[in-house]
C-alpha atoms as a PDB file:
ATOM      1  CA  MET A   1      35.217 -98.849 -15.738  1.00  0.00           C
ATOM      2  CA  ALA A   2      31.730-100.058 -15.095  1.00  0.00           C
ATOM      3  CA  LEU A   3      28.348 -98.674 -13.409  1.00  0.00           C
ATOM      4  CA  ILE A   4      27.249-100.814 -10.061  1.00  0.00           C
ATOM      5  CA  THR A   5      24.460-100.078  -7.419  1.00  0.00           C
ATOM      6  CA  CYS A   6      24.982 -98.487  -4.018  1.00  0.00           C
ATOM      7  CA  PRO A   7      23.890-101.095  -2.055  1.00  0.00           C
ATOM      8  CA  GLU A   8      23.526 -98.602   0.745  1.00  0.00           C
ATOM      9  CA  CYS A   9      20.991 -95.462  -1.557  1.00  0.00           C
ATOM     10  CA  GLY A  10      20.531 -97.800  -4.388  1.00  0.00           C
ATOM     11  CA  ARG A  11      22.210 -95.470  -6.437  1.00  0.00           C
ATOM     12  CA  GLU A  12      24.640 -96.094  -9.578  1.00  0.00           C
ATOM     13  CA  ILE A  13      27.880 -95.094  -9.144  1.00  0.00           C
ATOM     14  CA  SER A  14      31.353 -95.927 -10.671  1.00  0.00           C
ATOM     15  CA  SER A  15      32.723 -99.286  -9.874  1.00  0.00           C
ATOM     16  CA  ARG A  16      36.238 -98.003  -8.775  1.00  0.00           C
ATOM     17  CA  ALA A  17      34.973 -95.282  -6.534  1.00  0.00           C
ATOM     18  CA  HIS A  18      36.135 -95.722  -3.446  1.00  0.00           C
ATOM     19  CA  SER A  19      32.332 -94.847  -1.405  1.00  0.00           C
ATOM     20  CA  CYS A  20      29.588 -93.312  -2.475  1.00  0.00           C
ATOM     21  CA  PRO A  21      29.073 -89.945  -3.921  1.00  0.00           C
ATOM     22  CA  HIS A  22      25.530 -89.919  -2.732  1.00  0.00           C
ATOM     23  CA  CYS A  23      25.142 -91.334   0.787  1.00  0.00           C
ATOM     24  CA  GLY A  24      29.489 -92.057   1.762  1.00  0.00           C
ATOM     25  CA  ALA A  25      29.050 -95.316   2.111  1.00  0.00           C
ATOM     26  CA  ALA A  26      32.160 -97.768   1.371  1.00  0.00           C
ATOM     27  CA  ASN A  27      32.494 -99.359  -1.981  1.00  0.00           C
ATOM     28  CA  GLN A  28      34.127-103.003  -3.077  1.00  0.00           C
ATOM     29  CA  PRO A  29      35.085-102.870  -6.299  1.00  0.00           C
ATOM     30  CA  ARG A  30      35.668-106.286  -7.767  1.00  0.00           C
ATOM     31  CA  VAL A  31      37.684-107.456 -10.936  1.00  0.00           C
ATOM     32  CA  SER A  32      35.542-109.221 -13.409  1.00  0.00           C
ATOM     33  CA  ALA A  33      35.318-112.889 -14.407  1.00  0.00           C
ATOM     34  CA  GLY A  34      38.492-113.566 -16.292  1.00  0.00           C
ATOM     35  CA  TYR A  35      41.007-111.333 -14.066  1.00  0.00           C
ATOM     36  CA  ASN A  36      41.997-111.326 -10.611  1.00  0.00           C
ATOM     37  CA  THR A  37      38.752-111.270  -8.308  1.00  0.00           C
ATOM     38  CA  GLU A  38      41.234-110.268  -5.230  1.00  0.00           C
ATOM     39  CA  ILE A  39      38.877-107.676  -3.361  1.00  0.00           C
ATOM     40  CA  ILE A  40      40.878-104.580  -3.103  1.00  0.00           C
ATOM     41  CA  PRO A  41      40.238-103.315   0.499  1.00  0.00           C
ATOM     42  CA  PRO A  42      38.506 -99.990   0.346  1.00  0.00           C
ATOM     43  CA  THR A  43      40.248 -96.342   0.797  1.00  0.00           C
ATOM     44  CA  PRO A  44      39.508 -94.690   4.339  1.00  0.00           C
ATOM     45  CA  THR A  45      37.337 -91.496   3.009  1.00  0.00           C
ATOM     46  CA  THR A  46      36.506 -88.796   4.781  1.00  0.00           C
ATOM     47  CA  ALA A  47      33.339 -87.880   2.692  1.00  0.00           C
ATOM     48  CA  LYS A  48      30.689 -86.351   4.934  1.00  0.00           C
ATOM     49  CA  PRO A  49      27.334 -87.949   4.199  1.00  0.00           C
ATOM     50  CA  ILE A  50      24.796 -85.889   1.852  1.00  0.00           C
ATOM     51  CA  LYS A  51      21.292 -84.875   3.508  1.00  0.00           C
ATOM     52  CA  VAL A  52      18.699 -85.981   1.506  1.00  0.00           C
ATOM     53  CA  LYS A  53      15.660 -83.339   1.939  1.00  0.00           C
ATOM     54  CA  GLU A  54      12.933 -84.422   2.894  1.00  0.00           C
ATOM     55  CA  PRO A  55       9.342 -83.305   0.848  1.00  0.00           C
ATOM     56  CA  ARG A  56       7.625 -80.551   2.832  1.00  0.00           C
ATOM     57  CA  THR A  57       4.042 -81.651   4.917  1.00  0.00           C
ATOM     58  CA  PRO A  58       0.756 -80.121   3.652  1.00  0.00           C
ATOM     59  CA  ALA A  59       0.896 -78.539   7.066  1.00  0.00           C
ATOM     60  CA  GLN A  60       4.416 -77.526   6.744  1.00  0.00           C
ATOM     61  CA  ARG A  61       3.595 -75.849   3.148  1.00  0.00           C
ATOM     62  CA  ARG A  62       0.436 -74.024   4.466  1.00  0.00           C
ATOM     63  CA  LYS A  63       2.264 -72.555   7.186  1.00  0.00           C
ATOM     64  CA  ARG A  64       4.620 -71.480   4.824  1.00  0.00           C
ATOM     65  CA  ARG A  65       2.174 -69.578   3.192  1.00  0.00           C
ATOM     66  CA  MET A  66       0.910 -68.345   5.807  1.00  0.00           C
ATOM     67  CA  ALA A  67       4.076 -66.768   6.790  1.00  0.00           C
ATOM     68  CA  TRP A  68       4.282 -65.057   2.895  1.00  0.00           C
ATOM     69  CA  ILE A  69       0.985 -63.963   3.463  1.00  0.00           C
ATOM     70  CA  GLY A  70       1.606 -62.138   6.988  1.00  0.00           C
ATOM     71  CA  SER A  71       5.054 -60.426   5.475  1.00  0.00           C
ATOM     72  CA  ILE A  72       2.883 -59.455   2.247  1.00  0.00           C
ATOM     73  CA  ILE A  73       0.176 -57.531   4.633  1.00  0.00           C
ATOM     74  CA  GLY A  74       3.154 -56.105   6.964  1.00  0.00           C
ATOM     75  CA  VAL A  75       4.955 -54.154   4.382  1.00  0.00           C
ATOM     76  CA  VAL A  76       2.030 -53.094   3.224  1.00  0.00           C
ATOM     77  CA  LEU A  77       0.402 -51.640   5.880  1.00  0.00           C
ATOM     78  CA  LEU A  78       3.768 -50.330   6.822  1.00  0.00           C
ATOM     79  CA  ALA A  79       3.794 -48.482   3.509  1.00  0.00           C
ATOM     80  CA  GLY A  80       0.190 -47.471   3.858  1.00  0.00           C
ATOM     81  CA  LEU A  81       0.971 -45.706   7.398  1.00  0.00           C
ATOM     82  CA  GLY A  82       4.100 -44.322   6.093  1.00  0.00           C
ATOM     83  CA  TRP A  83       2.219 -43.050   3.190  1.00  0.00           C
ATOM     84  CA  LEU A  84      -0.501 -41.603   5.360  1.00  0.00           C
ATOM     85  CA  LEU A  85       2.059 -40.049   7.575  1.00  0.00           C
ATOM     86  CA  TYR A  86       3.543 -38.589   4.768  1.00  0.00           C
ATOM     87  CA  HIS A  87       0.292 -37.211   3.370  1.00  0.00           C
ATOM     88  CA  ASN A  88      -0.558 -35.661   6.718  1.00  0.00           C
ATOM     89  CA  HIS A  89       2.411 -33.536   7.116  1.00  0.00           C
ATOM     90  CA  GLN A  90       1.959 -32.521   3.409  1.00  0.00           C
ATOM     91  CA  LEU A  91      -1.451 -31.352   4.515  1.00  0.00           C
ATOM     92  CA  ALA A  92      -0.537 -29.770   7.655  1.00  0.00           C
ATOM     93  CA  ALA A  93       2.735 -27.836   5.592  1.00  0.00           C
ATOM     94  CA  GLU A  94      -0.388 -26.667   3.160  1.00  0.00           C
ATOM     95  CA  GLU A  95      -2.392 -25.216   5.826  1.00  0.00           C
ATOM     96  CA  GLU A  96       0.333 -23.802   7.366  1.00  0.00           C
ATOM     97  CA  ALA A  97       1.057 -22.045   4.036  1.00  0.00           C
ATOM     98  CA  SER A  98      -2.160 -20.999   3.589  1.00  0.00           C
ATOM     99  CA  TYR A  99      -2.420 -19.710   6.971  1.00  0.00           C
ATOM    100  CA  ASN A 100       0.771 -17.734   6.188  1.00  0.00           C
ATOM    101  CA  GLN A 101      -0.088 -16.207   3.442  1.00  0.00           C
ATOM    102  CA  LEU A 102      -3.460 -15.243   4.068  1.00  0.00           C
ATOM    103  CA  MET A 103      -1.269 -13.049   7.491  1.00  0.00           C
ATOM    104  CA  ASP A 104       1.026 -11.287   5.146  1.00  0.00           C
ATOM    105  CA  ASP A 105      -2.193 -10.072   2.570  1.00  0.00           C
ATOM    106  CA  PHE A 106      -5.480  -9.926   4.814  1.00  0.00           C
ATOM    107  CA  SER A 107      -8.794  -9.725   3.664  1.00  0.00           C
ATOM    108  CA  ILE A 108     -12.638 -10.852   5.024  1.00  0.00           C
ATOM    109  CA  ALA A 109     -13.408 -12.821   2.293  1.00  0.00           C
ATOM    110  CA  ASP A 110     -10.123 -14.646   1.953  1.00  0.00           C
ATOM    111  CA  ALA A 111      -9.850 -15.254   5.844  1.00  0.00           C
ATOM    112  CA  GLU A 112     -13.575 -16.544   5.959  1.00  0.00           C
ATOM    113  CA  THR A 113     -12.622 -19.003   2.915  1.00  0.00           C
ATOM    114  CA  PHE A 114      -9.784 -20.216   5.083  1.00  0.00           C
ATOM    115  CA  LEU A 115     -12.051 -21.041   8.280  1.00  0.00           C
ATOM    116  CA  LEU A 116     -14.175 -23.476   5.319  1.00  0.00           C
ATOM    117  CA  ARG A 117     -11.620 -25.353   4.296  1.00  0.00           C
ATOM    118  CA  TYR A 118      -9.949 -25.565   7.563  1.00  0.00           C
ATOM    119  CA  PRO A 119     -12.574 -25.219  10.432  1.00  0.00           C
ATOM    120  CA  ASP A 120      -9.827 -26.959  12.908  1.00  0.00           C
ATOM    121  CA  ASN A 121      -7.066 -24.944  12.548  1.00  0.00           C
ATOM    122  CA  LYS A 122      -5.033 -23.778  15.733  1.00  0.00           C
ATOM    123  CA  HIS A 123      -5.122 -20.325  14.545  1.00  0.00           C
ATOM    124  CA  ALA A 124      -8.970 -19.879  13.951  1.00  0.00           C
ATOM    125  CA  LYS A 125      -9.714 -17.717  17.135  1.00  0.00           C
ATOM    126  CA  GLU A 126      -7.014 -15.096  15.996  1.00  0.00           C
ATOM    127  CA  ILE A 127      -8.343 -15.283  12.245  1.00  0.00           C
ATOM    128  CA  LYS A 128     -11.931 -14.794  13.770  1.00  0.00           C
ATOM    129  CA  ASP A 129     -10.743 -11.930  15.912  1.00  0.00           C
ATOM    130  CA  ASN A 130      -8.940 -10.642  13.020  1.00  0.00           C
ATOM    131  CA  ILE A 131     -12.290 -10.553  10.518  1.00  0.00           C
ATOM    132  CA  ALA A 132     -14.217  -8.795  13.331  1.00  0.00           C
ATOM    133  CA  LEU A 133     -11.484  -5.902  13.275  1.00  0.00           C
ATOM    134  CA  TYR A 134     -11.361  -5.474  10.062  1.00  0.00           C
ATOM    135  CA  GLN A 135     -15.225  -5.066   9.091  1.00  0.00           C
ATOM    136  CA  ARG A 136     -14.806  -2.201  11.622  1.00  0.00           C
ATOM    137  CA  TYR A 137     -11.976  -0.937   9.491  1.00  0.00           C
ATOM    138  CA  GLU A 138     -14.068  -1.293   6.743  1.00  0.00           C
ATOM    139  CA  GLN A 139     -17.011   0.605   8.732  1.00  0.00           C
ATOM    140  CA  GLU A 140     -14.783   3.859   9.847  1.00  0.00           C
ATOM    141  CA  TRP A 141     -12.995   3.948   6.222  1.00  0.00           C
ATOM    142  CA  ALA A 142     -16.641   4.260   4.390  1.00  0.00           C
ATOM    143  CA  LYS A 143     -17.462   7.390   7.114  1.00  0.00           C
ATOM    144  CA  ILE A 144     -14.914   8.974   5.586  1.00  0.00           C
ATOM    145  CA  VAL A 145     -14.026   8.104   2.223  1.00  0.00           C
ATOM    146  CA  THR A 146     -15.891  10.606   0.387  1.00  0.00           C
ATOM    147  CA  SER A 147     -14.382  13.454   2.538  1.00  0.00           C
ATOM    148  CA  THR A 148     -12.481  16.347   1.552  1.00  0.00           C
ATOM    149  CA  ASN A 149     -11.191  17.489   5.019  1.00  0.00           C
ATOM    150  CA  VAL A 150      -7.117  16.473   5.257  1.00  0.00           C
ATOM    151  CA  ASP A 151      -7.899  16.016   9.253  1.00  0.00           C
ATOM    152  CA  ASP A 152     -10.545  13.183   9.150  1.00  0.00           C
ATOM    153  CA  PHE A 153      -7.824  11.049   7.077  1.00  0.00           C
ATOM    154  CA  ALA A 154      -4.936  12.014   9.307  1.00  0.00           C
ATOM    155  CA  MET A 155      -7.475  11.525  12.492  1.00  0.00           C
ATOM    156  CA  PHE A 156      -8.245   7.872  10.763  1.00  0.00           C
ATOM    157  CA  ARG A 157      -4.577   7.027  10.287  1.00  0.00           C
ATOM    158  CA  SER A 158      -3.753   7.818  13.924  1.00  0.00           C
ATOM    159  CA  LYS A 159      -6.621   5.981  15.434  1.00  0.00           C
ATOM    160  CA  PHE A 160      -6.091   2.290  12.953  1.00  0.00           C
ATOM    161  CA  PRO A 161      -2.298   2.768  11.910  1.00  0.00           C
ATOM    162  CA  ASP A 162      -2.157  -0.790  11.091  1.00  0.00           C
ATOM    163  CA  SER A 163      -5.312  -0.963   9.154  1.00  0.00           C
ATOM    164  CA  PRO A 164      -5.403  -2.490   5.487  1.00  0.00           C
ATOM    165  CA  PHE A 165      -6.344   1.419   4.413  1.00  0.00           C
ATOM    166  CA  ASP A 166      -3.669   3.010   5.939  1.00  0.00           C
ATOM    167  CA  GLN A 167      -1.843   3.646   2.677  1.00  0.00           C
ATOM    168  CA  LYS A 168      -5.178   4.938   1.149  1.00  0.00           C
ATOM    169  CA  ALA A 169      -5.680   7.135   3.636  1.00  0.00           C
ATOM    170  CA  TYR A 170      -1.824   8.673   3.318  1.00  0.00           C
ATOM    171  CA  ASP A 171      -3.221   8.955  -0.369  1.00  0.00           C
ATOM    172  CA  LYS A 172      -6.088  10.814   0.119  1.00  0.00           C
ATOM    173  CA  ILE A 173      -3.821  13.300   2.263  1.00  0.00           C
ATOM    174  CA  ASP A 174      -1.582  13.790  -0.535  1.00  0.00           C
ATOM    175  CA  SER A 175      -4.249  13.982  -2.837  1.00  0.00           C
ATOM    176  CA  LEU A 176      -5.838  16.650  -0.815  1.00  0.00           C
ATOM    177  CA  ASP A 177      -2.780  18.644   0.199  1.00  0.00           C
ATOM    178  CA  TRP A 178      -1.659  19.043  -3.281  1.00  0.00           C
ATOM    179  CA  THR A 179      -5.025  20.332  -4.785  1.00  0.00           C
ATOM    180  CA  TYR A 180      -4.621  22.690  -2.189  1.00  0.00           C
ATOM    181  CA  ALA A 181      -1.203  23.799  -3.136  1.00  0.00           C
ATOM    182  CA  LYS A 182      -1.818  23.860  -6.971  1.00  0.00           C
ATOM    183  CA  ARG A 183      -5.071  25.694  -6.555  1.00  0.00           C
ATOM    184  CA  SER A 184      -2.851  28.296  -4.491  1.00  0.00           C
ATOM    185  CA  ASP A 185       0.014  28.238  -7.269  1.00  0.00           C
ATOM    186  CA  THR A 186       1.922  30.211  -4.820  1.00  0.00           C
ATOM    187  CA  GLU A 187       5.501  29.605  -4.094  1.00  0.00           C
ATOM    188  CA  GLY A 188       4.836  29.271  -0.139  1.00  0.00           C
ATOM    189  CA  ALA A 189       1.837  26.634  -1.043  1.00  0.00           C
ATOM    190  CA  LEU A 190       3.723  24.557  -3.029  1.00  0.00           C
ATOM    191  CA  GLN A 191       6.951  24.354  -0.699  1.00  0.00           C
ATOM    192  CA  LYS A 192       4.456  23.433   1.904  1.00  0.00           C
ATOM    193  CA  TYR A 193       3.364  20.497  -0.121  1.00  0.00           C
ATOM    194  CA  LEU A 194       6.932  18.997  -0.750  1.00  0.00           C
ATOM    195  CA  ASP A 195       7.471  19.806   3.191  1.00  0.00           C
ATOM    196  CA  LEU A 196       4.687  17.536   4.078  1.00  0.00           C
ATOM    197  CA  HIS A 197       5.450  15.070   1.564  1.00  0.00           C
ATOM    198  CA  PRO A 198       8.833  15.391  -0.042  1.00  0.00           C
ATOM    199  CA  ASP A 199       8.244  11.614  -1.658  1.00  0.00           C
ATOM    200  CA  GLY A 200       4.769  12.356  -2.339  1.00  0.00           C
ATOM    201  CA  LYS A 201       2.931  11.038  -5.676  1.00  0.00           C
ATOM    202  CA  TYR A 202       2.925  14.795  -7.278  1.00  0.00           C
ATOM    203  CA  ALA A 203       6.095  15.777  -5.363  1.00  0.00           C
ATOM    204  CA  ASP A 204       7.833  16.395  -9.112  1.00  0.00           C
ATOM    205  CA  MET A 205       4.908  18.724 -10.552  1.00  0.00           C
ATOM    206  CA  ALA A 206       5.435  20.531  -7.290  1.00  0.00           C
ATOM    207  CA  ARG A 207       9.192  20.953  -7.453  1.00  0.00           C
ATOM    208  CA  GLU A 208       8.480  21.732 -11.230  1.00  0.00           C
ATOM    209  CA  GLN A 209       5.834  24.462 -10.880  1.00  0.00           C
ATOM    210  CA  LYS A 210       7.751  26.009  -8.033  1.00  0.00           C
ATOM    211  CA  GLN A 211      10.812  26.193 -10.204  1.00  0.00           C
ATOM    212  CA  PHE A 212       8.165  27.579 -12.925  1.00  0.00           C
ATOM    213  CA  ILE A 213       7.286  29.994 -10.523  1.00  0.00           C
ATOM    214  CA  ILE A 214      10.758  31.138  -9.369  1.00  0.00           C
ATOM    215  CA  ASP A 215      11.816  31.378 -12.995  1.00  0.00           C
ATOM    216  CA  SER A 216       8.611  33.602 -13.816  1.00  0.00           C
ATOM    217  CA  ARG A 217       9.384  36.175 -11.370  1.00  0.00           C
ATOM    218  CA  PRO A 218      11.224  38.974 -13.615  1.00  0.00           C
ATOM    219  CA  THR A 219      14.018  40.529 -11.756  1.00  0.00           C
ATOM    220  CA  ASP A 220      14.700  44.337 -10.795  1.00  0.00           C
ATOM    221  CA  GLU A 221      16.886  44.884 -13.558  1.00  0.00           C
ATOM    222  CA  GLU A 222      14.230  43.013 -16.096  1.00  0.00           C
ATOM    223  CA  ARG A 223      11.555  45.518 -14.548  1.00  0.00           C
ATOM    224  CA  ASN A 224      13.668  48.955 -14.793  1.00  0.00           C
ATOM    225  CA  ALA A 225      14.589  47.684 -18.370  1.00  0.00           C
ATOM    226  CA  ILE A 226      11.144  47.152 -19.157  1.00  0.00           C
ATOM    227  CA  ALA A 227       9.786  50.101 -17.593  1.00  0.00           C
ATOM    228  CA  ARG A 228      12.081  52.085 -19.522  1.00  0.00           C
ATOM    229  CA  ILE A 229      11.020  50.416 -22.688  1.00  0.00           C
ATOM    230  CA  ILE A 230       7.562  51.362 -22.086  1.00  0.00           C
ATOM    231  CA  ASN A 231       8.174  54.947 -21.324  1.00  0.00           C
ATOM    232  CA  SER A 232      10.415  55.623 -24.489  1.00  0.00           C
ATOM    233  CA  TYR A 233       7.649  53.809 -26.700  1.00  0.00           C
ATOM    234  CA  PHE A 234       5.145  56.456 -25.008  1.00  0.00           C
ATOM    235  CA  ALA A 235       7.571  59.953 -25.568  1.00  0.00           C
ATOM    236  CA  ALA A 236       8.043  58.311 -29.150  1.00  0.00           C
ATOM    237  CA  LEU A 237       4.247  58.690 -29.786  1.00  0.00           C
ATOM    238  CA  THR A 238       4.273  62.241 -27.883  1.00  0.00           C
ATOM    239  CA  ASP A 239       7.420  63.620 -30.109  1.00  0.00           C
ATOM    240  CA  ASN A 240       5.741  61.540 -33.798  1.00  0.00           C
ATOM    241  CA  SER A 241       9.501  60.170 -33.611  1.00  0.00           C
ATOM    242  CA  LYS A 242       9.280  56.935 -35.821  1.00  0.00           C
ATOM    243  CA  GLU A 243      13.301  56.576 -35.712  1.00  0.00           C
ATOM    244  CA  ALA A 244      12.844  56.018 -31.570  1.00  0.00           C
ATOM    245  CA  LEU A 245      10.172  53.419 -32.156  1.00  0.00           C
ATOM    246  CA  SER A 246      12.267  51.401 -34.605  1.00  0.00           C
ATOM    247  CA  ASP A 247      14.555  49.702 -32.110  1.00  0.00           C
ATOM    248  CA  ILE A 248      11.973  48.782 -29.219  1.00  0.00           C
ATOM    249  CA  THR A 249       9.279  47.535 -31.201  1.00  0.00           C
ATOM    250  CA  THR A 250       9.051  44.377 -33.738  1.00  0.00           C
ATOM    251  CA  ALA A 251       8.275  45.089 -37.347  1.00  0.00           C
ATOM    252  CA  ALA A 252       4.286  44.662 -36.986  1.00  0.00           C
ATOM    253  CA  VAL A 253       4.376  47.146 -33.689  1.00  0.00           C
ATOM    254  CA  PHE A 254       6.123  50.007 -35.169  1.00  0.00           C
ATOM    255  CA  SER A 255       4.113  49.541 -38.594  1.00  0.00           C
ATOM    256  CA  LYS A 256       1.027  50.185 -36.780  1.00  0.00           C
ATOM    257  CA  SER A 257       2.775  52.547 -34.269  1.00  0.00           C
ATOM    258  CA  CYS A 258       3.753  54.522 -37.773  1.00  0.00           C
ATOM    259  CA  ASP A 259       0.306  54.521 -38.851  1.00  0.00           C
ATOM    260  CA  PHE A 260      -0.882  55.774 -36.023  1.00  0.00           C
ATOM    261  CA  ILE A 261       1.543  58.645 -35.615  1.00  0.00           C
ATOM    262  CA  ASP A 262       0.523  60.094 -39.258  1.00  0.00           C
ATOM    263  CA  SER A 263      -2.998  59.555 -38.686  1.00  0.00           C
ATOM    264  CA  HIS A 264      -3.019  61.923 -35.852  1.00  0.00           C
ATOM    265  CA  GLU A 265      -0.137  64.310 -37.937  1.00  0.00           C
ATOM    266  CA  GLY A 266      -1.784  67.919 -37.889  1.00  0.00           C
ATOM    267  CA  ASN A 267      -4.771  67.526 -35.315  1.00  0.00           C
ATOM    268  CA  GLY A 268      -2.939  69.282 -32.658  1.00  0.00           C
ATOM    269  CA  ILE A 269      -0.567  68.330 -29.862  1.00  0.00           C
ATOM    270  CA  THR A 270      -0.836  64.679 -28.315  1.00  0.00           C
ATOM    271  CA  SER A 271       1.334  64.111 -25.402  1.00  0.00           C
ATOM    272  CA  TYR A 272       1.146  60.821 -23.129  1.00  0.00           C
ATOM    273  CA  THR A 273       2.718  60.028 -19.574  1.00  0.00           C
ATOM    274  CA  VAL A 274       2.912  56.416 -18.055  1.00  0.00           C
ATOM    275  CA  THR A 275       0.810  57.276 -14.892  1.00  0.00           C
ATOM    276  CA  SER A 276       1.732  54.381 -12.521  1.00  0.00           C
ATOM    277  CA  PRO A 277       4.259  51.728 -11.548  1.00  0.00           C
ATOM    278  CA  VAL A 278       4.466  49.065 -14.442  1.00  0.00           C
ATOM    279  CA  THR A 279       3.815  45.510 -13.445  1.00  0.00           C
ATOM    280  CA  VAL A 280       5.689  42.674 -15.220  1.00  0.00           C
ATOM    281  CA  GLU A 281       5.213  39.222 -15.604  1.00  0.00           C
ATOM    282  CA  LYS A 282       8.072  36.803 -16.849  1.00  0.00           C
ATOM    283  CA  LYS A 283       6.981  33.814 -18.937  1.00  0.00           C
ATOM    284  CA  PRO A 284      10.102  31.102 -19.060  1.00  0.00           C
ATOM    285  CA  THR A 285       9.978  29.322 -22.583  1.00  0.00           C
ATOM    286  CA  ASP A 286      12.595  27.001 -24.323  1.00  0.00           C
ATOM    287  CA  SER A 287      13.845  30.164 -26.452  1.00  0.00           C
ATOM    288  CA  GLY A 288      14.254  32.414 -23.426  1.00  0.00           C
ATOM    289  CA  PRO A 289      11.670  34.191 -21.414  1.00  0.00           C
ATOM    290  CA  THR A 290       8.870  36.570 -22.647  1.00  0.00           C
ATOM    291  CA  TYR A 291       7.245  39.455 -20.869  1.00  0.00           C
ATOM    292  CA  ASN A 292       4.006  40.976 -20.474  1.00  0.00           C
ATOM    293  CA  ALA A 293       3.365  44.086 -18.696  1.00  0.00           C
ATOM    294  CA  SER A 294       1.027  46.374 -17.591  1.00  0.00           C
ATOM    295  CA  CYS A 295       0.166  50.026 -16.637  1.00  0.00           C
ATOM    296  CA  THR A 296      -2.158  53.598 -16.948  1.00  0.00           C
ATOM    297  CA  VAL A 297      -1.207  56.065 -19.203  1.00  0.00           C
ATOM    298  CA  ASN A 298      -2.802  59.477 -19.233  1.00  0.00           C
ATOM    299  CA  ARG A 299      -3.015  61.499 -22.467  1.00  0.00           C
ATOM    300  CA  ILE A 300      -3.572  65.045 -22.781  1.00  0.00           C
ATOM    301  CA  GLY A 301      -4.456  66.416 -26.297  1.00  0.00           C
ATOM    302  CA  THR A 302      -4.785  70.071 -27.182  1.00  0.00           C
ATOM    303  CA  ASP A 303      -6.436  70.577 -30.532  1.00  0.00           C
ATOM    304  CA  ILE A 304      -5.726  73.661 -33.454  1.00  0.00           C
ATOM    305  CA  ASP A 305      -8.654  75.916 -31.351  1.00  0.00           C
ATOM    306  CA  GLY A 306      -6.431  75.198 -28.218  1.00  0.00           C
ATOM    307  CA  ASN A 307      -9.002  72.976 -26.732  1.00  0.00           C
ATOM    308  CA  VAL A 308      -7.292  70.920 -24.390  1.00  0.00           C
ATOM    309  CA  THR A 309      -8.894  66.716 -23.580  1.00  0.00           C
ATOM    310  CA  SER A 310      -7.666  64.386 -20.840  1.00  0.00           C
ATOM    311  CA  LYS A 311      -8.168  60.640 -21.275  1.00  0.00           C
ATOM    312  CA  THR A 312      -6.353  57.898 -19.054  1.00  0.00           C
ATOM    313  CA  PHE A 313      -6.048  54.357 -20.501  1.00  0.00           C
ATOM    314  CA  SER A 314      -5.062  50.988 -19.277  1.00  0.00           C
ATOM    315  CA  VAL A 315      -2.474  49.725 -21.208  1.00  0.00           C
ATOM    316  CA  ARG A 316      -1.112  45.858 -21.621  1.00  0.00           C
ATOM    317  CA  THR A 317       1.856  45.315 -23.870  1.00  0.00           C
ATOM    318  CA  SER A 318       3.739  41.898 -24.579  1.00  0.00           C
ATOM    319  CA  LEU A 319       7.931  41.824 -25.099  1.00  0.00           C
ATOM    320  CA  ASN A 320       9.627  39.081 -27.057  1.00  0.00           C
ATOM    321  CA  THR A 321      13.019  36.788 -25.788  1.00  0.00           C
ATOM    322  CA  GLN A 322      14.855  40.478 -27.036  1.00  0.00           C
ATOM    323  CA  MET A 323      12.805  42.569 -25.158  1.00  0.00           C
ATOM    324  CA  GLN A 324      10.932  44.312 -28.027  1.00  0.00           C
ATOM    325  CA  LEU A 325       7.270  45.132 -27.954  1.00  0.00           C
ATOM    326  CA  SER A 326       5.552  42.548 -29.870  1.00  0.00           C
ATOM    327  CA  ALA A 327       1.999  43.965 -28.883  1.00  0.00           C
ATOM    328  CA  VAL A 328       0.267  47.232 -27.468  1.00  0.00           C
ATOM    329  CA  ASN A 329      -3.172  47.597 -26.547  1.00  0.00           C
ATOM    330  CA  MET A 330      -4.593  50.774 -25.052  1.00  0.00           C
ATOM    331  CA  LYS A 331      -8.362  50.700 -23.421  1.00  0.00           C
ATOM    332  CA  GLY A 332      -9.873  54.096 -22.424  1.00  0.00           C
ATOM    333  CA  GLN A 333     -11.266  53.601 -18.394  1.00  0.00           C
ATOM    334  CA  GLU A 334     -14.505  55.329 -18.057  1.00  0.00           C
END
């Protein structure tokens, strides 16, 4: 095989090719010298001609370059517009969130800051109206904040039910009602507080104090038992009976009472009589109740010469959880 030049496009092709693979022109291969020089007719071909790409002119290149630049600018503008729309959306969402937060926990200072930050906000008028309203709340609250009259705070709550001071006004009412109940320290006063404030700040303390008062109320059985003990004590002193004292007194009171009997023995006859009802106070403790009891006692003495004297004493006693006299104090009345 030899290479020949295509008579049409001038490119080198095989001598055996029936047509130029570059331009499609028919080829007439020949036999070299010394061989049969018969011309072989070309075989028909259906090869498509190859189009040769012509180089672009400067004007075409300039036009193409401008098209690329225009496309790039368009993309940049679209991206910028998209970012701007997204940014504005984010700012609007942030503004609305700030507004919602302000209204959830409104304060004048926060509202003024919001208006400075968003002067053209669509809620500006509403916020300004709220500022004026809250300023009035503050003025009215300042007038009563140091008051000790429950009615002042009740009237404020009735007049301004949506004010930020409503809870403070309720707390003041709660506190003042508790102060009165605690100062009275009666079952009725404590129950009244609980009726007004069943879930109040001091409700648990009120219930405990009320129960303490109930537990501190001696029963009729306890009163009668303590009255018998006190009468028995003074009867034992009258009879100079140490044995009668042993079961109703503690060791300390028994010892002092025996000394008292011994010191008056031989000085005449002395009798003691309880002359008033015995009042009893009950004190609950972890180990059981203790008691304080008081009464008046009249002492009549007759000396060895037959002279009679009389004196009245105020008597206060204490009894332990076993209802034994643990203290006896007598104070003469003038």
